[in-house]
Amino acid sequence: MAEKRNIFLVGPMGAGKSTIGRHLAQMLHLEFFDSDQEIEARSGADISWIFDVEGEEGFRNREARVIHELTEKQGIVLATGGGSVQSKEVRNRLSARGIVVYLETTIDKQVARTQRDKRRPLLQVDEPRDVLEQLAEERNPLYQEIADLVVRTDEQSAKVVANQIIEKLGF
């Protein structure tokens, strides 16, 4: 493999992008990045604080810059934030600079996987399921639009999903 390829994971909150991404990177000997963790590391603040202070728009601007920089690297696995695909610019970058894998999951799984996570500003509401359903309606077509591969993550461990991705991509 002369040129190192990038794998970009997209999908909703709770789909397993970070966990599966770590396994993928380890198995393929690639460097792993998580755009949310990068934003927190660079700003010295957590995502919730950025949302509180700068609003969603401020956060999305930071996210677009970080994804732009990270996608210029070679040989990485990148777990993107669930809402990053709302930006046409981000979708174009992901499509042009690597293989996009859409990790698909059900609303039930998302609720189960995110219910105790206080680090998700959009879900700090009385009815997180309603928010997840609305986000799915808005974002799922965008994930689909740029996906080179779609993998369901519901009933399988992160390691099994990572193996499936490697197999389907022929790495």
Protein backbone atom coordinates (compact mmCIF):
# COMPACT_ATOMS: atom_id res chain seq x y z
CA MET A 1 0.00 0.00 0.00
CA ALA A 2 2.07 2.90 -1.29
CA GLU A 3 -0.30 5.70 -0.42
CA LYS A 4 -1.95 5.70 2.97
CA ARG A 5 -5.72 6.01 2.77
CA ASN A 6 -7.98 7.81 5.19
CA ILE A 7 -11.15 6.44 6.72
CA PHE A 8 -13.72 8.93 7.96
CA LEU A 9 -16.54 7.72 10.19
CA VAL A 10 -19.85 9.59 10.06
CA GLY A 11 -23.15 8.88 11.76
CA PRO A 12 -25.36 9.94 14.63
CA MET A 13 -24.49 10.28 18.30
CA GLY A 14 -24.20 6.89 19.93
CA ALA A 15 -23.44 5.02 16.68
CA GLY A 16 -20.01 4.09 18.05
CA LYS A 17 -17.80 6.27 15.84
CA SER A 18 -15.11 6.86 18.47
CA THR A 19 -14.97 3.30 19.80
CA ILE A 20 -15.08 1.67 16.37
CA GLY A 21 -12.61 4.25 15.06
CA ARG A 22 -10.06 3.37 17.75
CA HIS A 23 -10.35 -0.35 16.88
CA LEU A 24 -10.05 0.35 13.15
CA ALA A 25 -6.98 2.53 13.59
CA GLN A 26 -5.31 -0.04 15.81
CA MET A 27 -6.09 -2.93 13.45
CA LEU A 28 -4.89 -1.02 10.36
CA HIS A 29 -1.92 0.66 12.10
CA LEU A 30 -3.28 4.12 11.33
CA GLU A 31 -3.46 7.21 13.51
CA PHE A 32 -6.84 7.83 15.20
CA PHE A 33 -8.49 11.21 15.67
CA ASP A 34 -11.84 12.21 17.11
CA SER A 35 -12.93 15.66 15.94
CA ASP A 36 -14.73 16.43 19.23
CA GLN A 37 -11.67 15.49 21.29
CA GLU A 38 -9.46 17.59 18.99
CA ILE A 39 -11.75 20.60 19.45
CA GLU A 40 -11.64 20.18 23.23
CA ALA A 41 -7.85 19.76 23.25
CA ARG A 42 -7.27 22.82 21.06
CA SER A 43 -9.73 25.10 22.84
CA GLY A 44 -9.01 23.87 26.37
CA ALA A 45 -12.76 23.65 26.98
CA ASP A 46 -15.32 20.91 26.68
CA ILE A 47 -17.97 20.81 23.96
CA SER A 48 -20.81 21.77 26.34
CA TRP A 49 -18.97 24.91 27.41
CA ILE A 50 -18.27 25.88 23.78
CA PHE A 51 -21.97 25.38 22.98
CA ASP A 52 -22.96 27.52 25.99
CA VAL A 53 -20.58 30.34 25.14
CA GLU A 54 -20.48 30.33 21.34
CA GLY A 55 -23.72 28.55 20.50
CA GLU A 56 -24.02 25.76 17.98
CA GLU A 57 -22.82 27.99 15.13
CA GLY A 58 -19.57 28.84 16.94
CA PHE A 59 -19.00 25.17 17.67
CA ARG A 60 -19.71 24.16 14.04
CA ASN A 61 -17.18 26.73 12.81
CA ARG A 62 -14.51 25.25 15.08
CA GLU A 63 -15.51 21.77 13.97
CA ALA A 64 -15.22 22.65 10.26
CA ARG A 65 -11.70 24.07 10.81
CA VAL A 66 -10.55 21.00 12.75
CA ILE A 67 -11.98 18.59 10.17
CA HIS A 68 -10.36 20.60 7.37
CA GLU A 69 -6.94 20.27 9.05
CA LEU A 70 -7.31 16.62 10.01
CA THR A 71 -8.49 15.51 6.57
CA GLU A 72 -5.29 16.93 5.05
CA LYS A 73 -3.33 14.22 6.88
CA GLN A 74 -2.64 10.81 5.32
CA GLY A 75 -3.27 7.42 6.89
CA ILE A 76 -5.78 8.38 9.57
CA VAL A 77 -9.08 7.19 10.94
CA LEU A 78 -11.30 10.12 11.90
CA ALA A 79 -14.45 9.92 14.00
CA THR A 80 -16.48 13.02 13.14
CA GLY A 81 -19.12 14.76 15.23
CA GLY A 82 -22.69 13.74 14.38
CA GLY A 83 -23.61 17.20 13.14
CA SER A 84 -20.47 17.91 11.13
CA VAL A 85 -22.19 16.75 7.91
CA GLN A 86 -24.59 19.69 8.05
CA SER A 87 -21.84 21.73 6.41
CA LYS A 88 -21.63 21.20 2.64
CA GLU A 89 -17.95 22.17 2.86
CA VAL A 90 -17.27 19.44 5.44
CA ARG A 91 -19.18 16.85 3.37
CA ASN A 92 -17.14 17.77 0.29
CA ARG A 93 -13.84 17.53 2.21
CA LEU A 94 -14.70 14.15 3.69
CA SER A 95 -15.76 12.78 0.28
CA ALA A 96 -12.70 14.10 -1.51
CA ARG A 97 -10.05 13.13 1.03
CA GLY A 98 -10.91 9.62 2.14
CA ILE A 99 -13.30 6.72 2.38
CA VAL A 100 -16.49 7.72 4.21
CA VAL A 101 -18.11 5.03 6.34
CA TYR A 102 -21.61 5.74 7.65
CA LEU A 103 -22.22 3.95 10.94
CA GLU A 104 -25.96 3.47 11.04
CA THR A 105 -27.91 2.77 14.22
CA THR A 106 -31.46 2.89 15.54
CA ILE A 107 -32.96 5.61 17.70
CA ASP A 108 -33.44 3.00 20.46
CA LYS A 109 -29.72 2.21 20.45
CA GLN A 110 -28.85 5.90 20.43
CA VAL A 111 -31.09 6.51 23.46
CA ALA A 112 -29.56 3.56 25.31
CA ARG A 113 -25.98 4.56 24.49
CA THR A 114 -26.32 8.28 25.23
CA GLN A 115 -28.75 8.45 28.16
CA ARG A 116 -26.11 8.82 30.88
CA ASP A 117 -23.75 10.97 28.83
CA LYS A 118 -23.82 14.55 30.06
CA ARG A 119 -21.30 15.64 27.44
CA ARG A 120 -23.86 15.89 24.63
CA PRO A 121 -25.32 19.42 24.71
CA LEU A 122 -28.11 18.75 22.21
CA LEU A 123 -29.48 15.96 24.43
CA GLN A 124 -29.70 17.93 27.68
CA VAL A 125 -33.49 18.18 27.32
CA ASP A 126 -36.55 16.49 28.80
CA GLU A 127 -37.18 14.30 25.75
CA PRO A 128 -33.84 13.33 24.16
CA ARG A 129 -35.62 10.75 21.95
CA ASP A 130 -37.52 13.58 20.20
CA VAL A 131 -34.25 15.40 19.55
CA LEU A 132 -32.61 12.21 18.21
CA GLU A 133 -35.57 11.57 15.89
CA GLN A 134 -35.44 15.12 14.55
CA LEU A 135 -31.67 14.96 14.05
CA ALA A 136 -32.01 11.60 12.26
CA GLU A 137 -34.53 13.10 9.86
CA GLU A 138 -32.21 16.03 9.07
CA ARG A 139 -28.86 14.24 9.05
CA ASN A 140 -29.37 10.66 7.87
CA PRO A 141 -29.81 11.73 4.21
CA LEU A 142 -26.54 13.72 4.51
CA TYR A 143 -24.65 10.71 5.91
CA GLN A 144 -26.12 8.61 3.10
CA GLU A 145 -25.14 11.20 0.46
CA ILE A 146 -21.40 10.97 1.18
CA ALA A 147 -21.11 7.35 2.35
CA ASP A 148 -18.84 5.01 0.42
CA LEU A 149 -19.94 2.26 2.77
CA VAL A 150 -22.86 1.91 5.20
CA VAL A 151 -22.52 -0.39 8.22
CA ARG A 152 -25.14 -1.07 10.91
CA THR A 153 -23.71 -1.01 14.43
CA ASP A 154 -26.72 -2.09 16.48
CA GLU A 155 -26.17 -5.64 17.63
CA GLN A 156 -22.45 -6.06 17.28
CA SER A 157 -19.38 -5.21 19.27
CA ALA A 158 -17.14 -2.38 18.09
CA LYS A 159 -14.41 -4.88 17.22
CA VAL A 160 -16.76 -6.95 15.03
CA VAL A 161 -17.92 -3.80 13.22
CA ALA A 162 -14.30 -2.70 12.69
CA ASN A 163 -13.51 -6.13 11.20
CA GLN A 164 -16.54 -5.87 8.88
CA ILE A 165 -15.38 -2.46 7.66
CA ILE A 166 -11.86 -3.75 6.94
CA GLU A 167 -13.29 -6.75 5.13
CA LYS A 168 -15.73 -4.71 3.02
CA LEU A 169 -13.04 -2.17 2.12
CA GLY A 170 -10.62 -4.93 1.19
CA PHE A 171 -7.79 -3.62 3.39
